[in-house]
Amino acid sequence: MDSEHHHSRKEVTAAVYFLRTLRRANVSQQLLLSYRCAVESILSYGILVWFASCTVAGRKALQRVIETAQSITNAQLPSLQDIYKAQCLRRATNITQDLSHPANHLF
């Protein structure tokens, strides 16, 4: 497990712990759903760098954390693969729209 992946997993695990704490405190579903966005944001950060080199076991571990967050919030979260695809598409779109980007001609 590389350090970037390990760092993301620790952050997501901490966020899920906080989600559990919020649920036990009987906070509103709206607050739980807004905190769910934080979990997705943590996963989105840096996924383009570490996802391709992440082991199958590492991906499964992160997916389990996502599933735990889903069960706590009773809301659907995108899978790790879906987050990766969305980030790739967003990055490619940004490159194609920026004519001064060095990789623009590749698209």
Protein backbone atom coordinates (compact mmCIF):
# COMPACT_ATOMS: atom_id res chain seq x y z
CA MET A 1 0.00 0.00 0.00
CA ASP A 2 1.59 3.27 -1.09
CA SER A 3 1.66 6.29 1.21
CA GLU A 4 -0.81 8.42 -0.79
CA HIS A 5 -3.41 5.62 -0.74
CA HIS A 6 -2.77 4.93 2.95
CA HIS A 7 -3.13 8.63 3.77
CA SER A 8 -6.48 8.84 1.93
CA ARG A 9 -7.76 5.69 3.63
CA LYS A 10 -6.87 7.08 7.06
CA GLU A 11 -8.66 10.35 6.31
CA VAL A 12 -11.77 8.59 5.01
CA THR A 13 -11.81 6.23 8.00
CA ALA A 14 -11.64 9.24 10.34
CA ALA A 15 -14.50 10.90 8.45
CA VAL A 16 -16.61 7.74 8.74
CA TYR A 17 -15.90 7.62 12.48
CA PHE A 18 -17.18 11.19 12.72
CA LEU A 19 -20.28 10.20 10.71
CA ARG A 20 -20.99 7.46 13.26
CA THR A 21 -20.58 9.95 16.09
CA LEU A 22 -23.02 12.34 14.41
CA ARG A 23 -25.55 9.56 13.87
CA ARG A 24 -25.34 8.51 17.54
CA ALA A 25 -25.97 12.14 18.50
CA ASN A 26 -29.19 12.01 16.43
CA VAL A 27 -28.28 14.93 14.20
CA SER A 28 -30.48 15.68 11.23
CA GLN A 29 -30.24 13.61 8.07
CA GLN A 30 -29.40 16.83 6.20
CA LEU A 31 -26.24 17.27 8.27
CA LEU A 32 -25.24 13.65 7.70
CA LEU A 33 -25.70 14.09 3.95
CA SER A 34 -23.58 17.23 3.89
CA TYR A 35 -20.82 15.45 5.78
CA ARG A 36 -21.06 12.62 3.24
CA CYS A 37 -19.76 15.15 0.71
CA ALA A 38 -16.62 15.45 2.80
CA VAL A 39 -16.01 11.70 2.48
CA GLU A 40 -16.38 11.92 -1.29
CA SER A 41 -14.12 14.97 -1.42
CA ILE A 42 -11.35 13.17 0.48
CA LEU A 43 -11.55 10.26 -1.94
CA SER A 44 -11.55 12.58 -4.96
CA TYR A 45 -8.43 14.39 -3.86
CA GLY A 46 -5.42 12.76 -5.44
CA ILE A 47 -7.30 9.78 -6.87
CA LEU A 48 -5.80 10.41 -10.32
CA VAL A 49 -2.36 9.90 -8.82
CA TRP A 50 -2.82 6.81 -6.68
CA PHE A 51 -5.78 4.88 -8.12
CA ALA A 52 -3.89 3.18 -10.97
CA SER A 53 -1.19 1.91 -8.61
CA CYS A 54 -3.60 0.90 -5.84
CA THR A 55 -3.72 -2.83 -5.15
CA VAL A 56 -6.95 -4.81 -5.41
CA ALA A 57 -6.90 -5.26 -1.64
CA GLY A 58 -6.46 -1.51 -1.18
CA ARG A 59 -9.39 -0.74 -3.50
CA LYS A 60 -11.57 -3.25 -1.68
CA ALA A 61 -10.65 -1.70 1.67
CA LEU A 62 -11.57 1.78 0.44
CA GLN A 63 -14.79 0.46 -1.09
CA ARG A 64 -15.74 -1.08 2.27
CA VAL A 65 -15.25 2.32 3.90
CA ILE A 66 -17.52 3.87 1.26
CA GLU A 67 -20.15 1.21 1.91
CA THR A 68 -19.95 1.91 5.65
CA ALA A 69 -20.50 5.63 5.00
CA GLN A 70 -23.50 4.73 2.83
CA SER A 71 -25.07 2.66 5.58
CA ILE A 72 -24.54 5.43 8.14
CA THR A 73 -26.06 8.18 5.98
CA ASN A 74 -28.68 6.05 4.23
CA ALA A 75 -27.57 7.72 1.01
CA GLN A 76 -25.95 6.35 -2.11
CA LEU A 77 -22.28 7.22 -2.58
CA PRO A 78 -20.48 6.70 -5.88
CA SER A 79 -18.14 3.74 -6.04
CA LEU A 80 -14.40 4.26 -6.01
CA GLN A 81 -14.30 3.39 -9.72
CA ASP A 82 -17.03 5.96 -10.47
CA ILE A 83 -15.15 8.67 -8.56
CA TYR A 84 -12.00 7.85 -10.54
CA LYS A 85 -13.84 7.97 -13.87
CA ALA A 86 -15.48 11.29 -13.01
CA GLN A 87 -12.14 12.81 -12.02
CA CYS A 88 -10.48 11.57 -15.23
CA LEU A 89 -13.29 13.01 -17.33
CA ARG A 90 -13.13 16.33 -15.47
CA ARG A 91 -9.37 16.53 -15.96
CA ALA A 92 -9.59 15.66 -19.66
CA THR A 93 -12.33 18.27 -20.15
CA ASN A 94 -10.19 20.92 -18.47
CA ILE A 95 -7.22 20.04 -20.68
CA THR A 96 -9.26 20.19 -23.90
CA GLN A 97 -10.71 23.59 -22.95
CA ASP A 98 -7.28 25.06 -22.16
CA LEU A 99 -5.55 25.66 -25.47
CA SER A 100 -2.30 26.60 -23.72
CA HIS A 101 -2.10 23.25 -21.88
CA PRO A 102 0.87 21.16 -23.11
CA ALA A 103 -1.33 18.06 -23.50
CA ASN A 104 -4.17 19.82 -25.34
CA HIS A 105 -3.05 18.48 -28.71
CA LEU A 106 -3.43 14.90 -27.44
CA PHE A 107 -7.21 15.22 -27.33
